[in-house]
N, C-alpha and C. Protein backbone atom coordinates (compact mmCIF):
# COMPACT_ATOMS: atom_id res chain seq x y z
N MET A 1 26.41 -35.97 -13.64
CA MET A 1 25.28 -35.38 -12.94
C MET A 1 25.76 -34.18 -12.13
N PHE A 2 24.90 -33.25 -11.88
CA PHE A 2 25.27 -32.06 -11.13
C PHE A 2 24.69 -32.11 -9.72
N HIS A 3 25.33 -31.36 -8.82
CA HIS A 3 24.88 -31.32 -7.43
C HIS A 3 24.23 -29.97 -7.19
N LEU A 4 22.96 -29.99 -6.72
CA LEU A 4 22.25 -28.74 -6.47
C LEU A 4 22.72 -28.04 -5.21
N SER A 5 23.32 -28.80 -4.30
CA SER A 5 23.72 -28.20 -3.03
C SER A 5 24.99 -27.36 -3.15
N LYS A 6 25.79 -27.58 -4.18
CA LYS A 6 27.04 -26.85 -4.31
C LYS A 6 26.98 -25.99 -5.55
N ARG A 7 26.73 -24.71 -5.36
CA ARG A 7 26.58 -23.79 -6.48
C ARG A 7 27.89 -23.58 -7.23
N GLU A 8 29.00 -23.65 -6.51
CA GLU A 8 30.27 -23.39 -7.17
C GLU A 8 30.66 -24.51 -8.14
N ASN A 9 30.12 -25.72 -7.93
CA ASN A 9 30.42 -26.83 -8.84
C ASN A 9 29.66 -26.73 -10.15
N CYS A 10 28.57 -25.96 -10.15
CA CYS A 10 27.75 -25.86 -11.35
C CYS A 10 27.37 -24.40 -11.57
N PRO A 11 28.05 -23.70 -12.48
CA PRO A 11 27.75 -22.29 -12.67
C PRO A 11 26.37 -22.04 -13.27
N ASN A 12 25.79 -23.02 -13.91
CA ASN A 12 24.47 -22.86 -14.53
C ASN A 12 23.39 -23.55 -13.72
N TYR A 13 23.47 -23.48 -12.40
CA TYR A 13 22.53 -24.22 -11.57
C TYR A 13 21.09 -23.74 -11.74
N ARG A 14 20.88 -22.45 -11.99
CA ARG A 14 19.50 -21.97 -12.18
C ARG A 14 18.90 -22.54 -13.45
N ARG A 15 19.72 -22.67 -14.48
CA ARG A 15 19.22 -23.27 -15.72
C ARG A 15 18.86 -24.73 -15.48
N HIS A 16 19.67 -25.43 -14.71
CA HIS A 16 19.37 -26.83 -14.38
C HIS A 16 18.12 -26.94 -13.52
N LEU A 17 17.97 -26.01 -12.60
CA LEU A 17 16.76 -26.02 -11.77
C LEU A 17 15.52 -25.80 -12.63
N ARG A 18 15.62 -24.87 -13.59
CA ARG A 18 14.49 -24.63 -14.49
C ARG A 18 14.18 -25.87 -15.32
N ARG A 19 15.21 -26.56 -15.76
CA ARG A 19 15.02 -27.76 -16.55
C ARG A 19 14.32 -28.85 -15.72
N LEU A 20 14.61 -28.89 -14.42
CA LEU A 20 13.96 -29.86 -13.54
C LEU A 20 12.55 -29.44 -13.15
N GLY A 21 12.16 -28.20 -13.51
CA GLY A 21 10.83 -27.72 -13.16
C GLY A 21 10.77 -27.06 -11.80
N ILE A 22 11.91 -26.69 -11.27
CA ILE A 22 11.96 -26.04 -9.96
C ILE A 22 12.07 -24.54 -10.18
N ASP A 23 11.14 -23.80 -9.63
CA ASP A 23 11.14 -22.35 -9.77
C ASP A 23 11.88 -21.73 -8.59
N TRP A 24 13.10 -21.24 -8.84
CA TRP A 24 13.94 -20.71 -7.77
C TRP A 24 13.33 -19.47 -7.13
N GLN A 25 12.70 -18.60 -7.93
CA GLN A 25 12.07 -17.40 -7.39
C GLN A 25 10.94 -17.77 -6.43
N ALA A 26 10.18 -18.80 -6.75
CA ALA A 26 9.09 -19.23 -5.87
C ALA A 26 9.65 -19.74 -4.54
N ILE A 27 10.75 -20.44 -4.60
CA ILE A 27 11.38 -20.94 -3.37
C ILE A 27 11.86 -19.77 -2.51
N GLN A 28 12.51 -18.79 -3.14
CA GLN A 28 12.98 -17.63 -2.39
C GLN A 28 11.82 -16.85 -1.79
N ASN A 29 10.76 -16.65 -2.57
CA ASN A 29 9.61 -15.90 -2.06
C ASN A 29 8.92 -16.62 -0.92
N SER A 30 8.86 -17.94 -0.98
CA SER A 30 8.21 -18.67 0.11
C SER A 30 9.03 -18.55 1.39
N TYR A 31 10.35 -18.52 1.28
CA TYR A 31 11.17 -18.32 2.48
C TYR A 31 11.03 -16.89 3.01
N ARG A 32 10.97 -15.92 2.09
CA ARG A 32 10.87 -14.53 2.53
C ARG A 32 9.56 -14.26 3.24
N THR A 33 8.48 -14.88 2.82
CA THR A 33 7.19 -14.63 3.46
C THR A 33 6.88 -15.64 4.55
N GLY A 34 7.31 -16.87 4.37
CA GLY A 34 6.97 -17.92 5.32
C GLY A 34 7.71 -17.85 6.64
N VAL A 35 8.97 -17.49 6.59
CA VAL A 35 9.78 -17.46 7.82
C VAL A 35 9.28 -16.40 8.80
N PRO A 36 9.01 -15.16 8.37
CA PRO A 36 8.48 -14.19 9.34
C PRO A 36 7.11 -14.60 9.90
N ILE A 37 6.26 -15.18 9.05
CA ILE A 37 4.94 -15.61 9.53
C ILE A 37 5.10 -16.69 10.59
N LEU A 38 5.99 -17.67 10.34
CA LEU A 38 6.20 -18.73 11.31
C LEU A 38 6.82 -18.19 12.60
N ALA A 39 7.69 -17.19 12.49
CA ALA A 39 8.30 -16.60 13.68
C ALA A 39 7.24 -15.91 14.55
N VAL A 40 6.32 -15.19 13.92
CA VAL A 40 5.27 -14.51 14.67
C VAL A 40 4.32 -15.53 15.29
N LEU A 41 3.99 -16.59 14.56
CA LEU A 41 3.13 -17.63 15.12
C LEU A 41 3.81 -18.34 16.29
N ALA A 42 5.11 -18.57 16.20
CA ALA A 42 5.83 -19.19 17.32
C ALA A 42 5.83 -18.28 18.54
N LEU A 43 6.03 -16.98 18.32
CA LEU A 43 6.00 -16.03 19.43
C LEU A 43 4.63 -15.98 20.08
N ALA A 44 3.58 -15.96 19.25
CA ALA A 44 2.23 -15.94 19.79
C ALA A 44 1.92 -17.23 20.54
N GLY A 45 2.40 -18.35 20.03
CA GLY A 45 2.17 -19.62 20.71
C GLY A 45 2.88 -19.70 22.05
N SER A 46 4.05 -19.07 22.14
CA SER A 46 4.77 -19.09 23.41
C SER A 46 4.11 -18.17 24.44
N MET A 47 3.39 -17.14 23.97
CA MET A 47 2.72 -16.23 24.89
C MET A 47 1.35 -16.74 25.32
N GLY A 48 0.83 -17.71 24.60
CA GLY A 48 -0.52 -18.20 24.87
C GLY A 48 -0.73 -18.77 26.27
N PRO A 49 0.14 -19.64 26.75
CA PRO A 49 -0.12 -20.28 28.04
C PRO A 49 0.23 -19.43 29.27
N ARG A 50 0.52 -18.16 29.10
CA ARG A 50 0.84 -17.33 30.27
C ARG A 50 -0.39 -17.18 31.16
N ARG A 51 -0.14 -17.04 32.44
CA ARG A 51 -1.26 -16.88 33.36
C ARG A 51 -1.74 -15.43 33.34
N ILE A 52 -3.00 -15.24 33.59
CA ILE A 52 -3.61 -13.92 33.57
C ILE A 52 -3.41 -13.27 34.93
N ALA A 53 -2.93 -12.04 34.93
CA ALA A 53 -2.71 -11.31 36.18
C ALA A 53 -4.05 -10.80 36.70
N PRO A 54 -4.25 -10.84 38.01
CA PRO A 54 -5.50 -10.33 38.56
C PRO A 54 -5.56 -8.81 38.43
N PRO A 55 -6.76 -8.25 38.26
CA PRO A 55 -6.86 -6.79 38.15
C PRO A 55 -6.40 -6.10 39.43
N GLY A 56 -5.68 -4.99 39.24
CA GLY A 56 -5.18 -4.23 40.37
C GLY A 56 -5.44 -2.75 40.17
N LEU A 57 -4.65 -1.91 40.86
CA LEU A 57 -4.82 -0.47 40.77
C LEU A 57 -4.40 0.08 39.41
N GLY A 58 -3.43 -0.55 38.75
CA GLY A 58 -2.95 -0.05 37.47
C GLY A 58 -3.65 -0.66 36.26
N THR A 59 -4.74 -1.37 36.49
CA THR A 59 -5.43 -2.04 35.39
C THR A 59 -6.55 -1.16 34.84
N LEU A 60 -6.60 -1.03 33.52
CA LEU A 60 -7.69 -0.30 32.88
C LEU A 60 -8.63 -1.33 32.26
N ARG A 61 -9.75 -1.51 32.88
CA ARG A 61 -10.72 -2.50 32.39
C ARG A 61 -11.38 -1.98 31.12
N THR A 62 -11.74 -2.91 30.23
CA THR A 62 -12.30 -2.52 28.93
C THR A 62 -13.82 -2.44 28.94
N ASP A 63 -14.44 -2.70 30.05
CA ASP A 63 -15.91 -2.65 30.11
C ASP A 63 -16.41 -1.46 30.93
N THR A 64 -15.61 -0.41 31.01
CA THR A 64 -16.00 0.77 31.78
C THR A 64 -16.07 1.99 30.86
N PRO A 65 -16.81 3.03 31.26
CA PRO A 65 -16.87 4.25 30.47
C PRO A 65 -15.51 4.96 30.34
N THR A 66 -14.63 4.78 31.31
CA THR A 66 -13.31 5.39 31.25
C THR A 66 -12.53 4.88 30.04
N PHE A 67 -12.61 3.58 29.78
CA PHE A 67 -11.93 3.00 28.62
C PHE A 67 -12.49 3.58 27.32
N VAL A 68 -13.81 3.71 27.25
CA VAL A 68 -14.45 4.25 26.04
C VAL A 68 -14.00 5.69 25.81
N ILE A 69 -13.92 6.49 26.87
CA ILE A 69 -13.48 7.88 26.75
C ILE A 69 -12.02 7.94 26.27
N PHE A 70 -11.16 7.12 26.87
CA PHE A 70 -9.76 7.08 26.44
C PHE A 70 -9.64 6.64 24.99
N LEU A 71 -10.42 5.64 24.59
CA LEU A 71 -10.34 5.14 23.21
C LEU A 71 -10.80 6.19 22.21
N ILE A 72 -11.93 6.84 22.48
CA ILE A 72 -12.43 7.89 21.59
C ILE A 72 -11.45 9.06 21.55
N GLY A 73 -10.88 9.42 22.68
CA GLY A 73 -9.90 10.50 22.72
C GLY A 73 -8.65 10.17 21.92
N PHE A 74 -8.17 8.95 22.04
CA PHE A 74 -6.98 8.54 21.29
C PHE A 74 -7.25 8.57 19.79
N VAL A 75 -8.38 8.03 19.36
CA VAL A 75 -8.72 8.01 17.94
C VAL A 75 -8.87 9.44 17.41
N ALA A 76 -9.51 10.33 18.20
CA ALA A 76 -9.70 11.71 17.77
C ALA A 76 -8.36 12.43 17.65
N ILE A 77 -7.48 12.26 18.62
CA ILE A 77 -6.17 12.92 18.58
C ILE A 77 -5.34 12.39 17.41
N PHE A 78 -5.38 11.10 17.18
CA PHE A 78 -4.64 10.50 16.07
C PHE A 78 -5.15 11.03 14.73
N ALA A 79 -6.47 11.13 14.58
CA ALA A 79 -7.05 11.63 13.33
C ALA A 79 -6.69 13.10 13.12
N VAL A 80 -6.77 13.90 14.18
CA VAL A 80 -6.44 15.33 14.06
C VAL A 80 -4.97 15.52 13.70
N LEU A 81 -4.08 14.76 14.34
CA LEU A 81 -2.66 14.89 14.02
C LEU A 81 -2.36 14.46 12.59
N THR A 82 -3.04 13.43 12.11
CA THR A 82 -2.85 13.01 10.72
C THR A 82 -3.36 14.09 9.77
N PHE A 83 -4.51 14.65 10.06
CA PHE A 83 -5.09 15.67 9.19
C PHE A 83 -4.23 16.94 9.21
N LEU A 84 -3.74 17.33 10.38
CA LEU A 84 -2.93 18.55 10.47
C LEU A 84 -1.61 18.41 9.72
N THR A 85 -1.04 17.21 9.71
CA THR A 85 0.19 16.98 8.97
C THR A 85 -0.04 17.25 7.48
N VAL A 86 -1.14 16.74 6.95
CA VAL A 86 -1.45 16.97 5.54
C VAL A 86 -1.77 18.44 5.31
N LEU A 87 -2.48 19.04 6.23
CA LEU A 87 -2.87 20.44 6.09
C LEU A 87 -1.65 21.36 6.07
N VAL A 88 -0.64 21.04 6.87
CA VAL A 88 0.57 21.87 6.93
C VAL A 88 1.47 21.62 5.72
N LEU A 89 1.59 20.37 5.29
CA LEU A 89 2.51 20.05 4.21
C LEU A 89 1.95 20.31 2.81
N ALA A 90 0.64 20.42 2.67
CA ALA A 90 0.03 20.60 1.35
C ALA A 90 0.50 21.88 0.65
N PRO A 91 0.56 23.04 1.30
CA PRO A 91 1.05 24.23 0.60
C PRO A 91 2.49 24.09 0.09
N PHE A 92 3.34 23.43 0.88
CA PHE A 92 4.71 23.21 0.43
C PHE A 92 4.76 22.30 -0.78
N ALA A 93 3.95 21.25 -0.77
CA ALA A 93 3.90 20.34 -1.91
C ALA A 93 3.38 21.05 -3.15
N GLN A 94 2.38 21.90 -2.96
CA GLN A 94 1.82 22.63 -4.10
C GLN A 94 2.85 23.61 -4.66
N ALA A 95 3.57 24.30 -3.77
CA ALA A 95 4.59 25.23 -4.23
C ALA A 95 5.72 24.52 -4.96
N LEU A 96 6.13 23.37 -4.44
CA LEU A 96 7.18 22.62 -5.10
C LEU A 96 6.72 22.09 -6.45
N SER A 97 5.49 21.59 -6.53
CA SER A 97 5.02 21.04 -7.79
C SER A 97 4.86 22.13 -8.84
N SER A 98 4.36 23.33 -8.44
CA SER A 98 4.24 24.41 -9.41
C SER A 98 5.61 24.94 -9.82
N HIS A 99 6.57 24.89 -8.88
CA HIS A 99 7.93 25.33 -9.20
C HIS A 99 8.61 24.34 -10.15
N MET A 100 8.38 23.05 -9.92
CA MET A 100 9.01 22.02 -10.75
C MET A 100 8.39 21.97 -12.14
N LEU A 101 7.06 22.12 -12.21
CA LEU A 101 6.39 22.03 -13.51
C LEU A 101 6.51 23.34 -14.29
N GLY A 102 6.81 24.39 -13.59
CA GLY A 102 7.15 25.63 -14.20
C GLY A 102 6.07 26.49 -14.68
């Protein structure tokens, strides 16, 4: 019989795993996706029971017109910067593509 825990004892362990019906790629993918998700959930769970700080001078409340103005301003600036990046880089991309395609 072969031991699954010691790869060096069995050079064909993946073939044996397949014969047993164990999909090694599925196991690897579940660890790759499951571990980060569990880490984020653990972090969020540890932050959950924190006490809420009382509002002070440095607090920006979300139910005021000031927050709405800041939010709209941030979204507008972000959109303009994204659009300007494309607007500036498009001529270079067009020149490179016409140069490459000849």
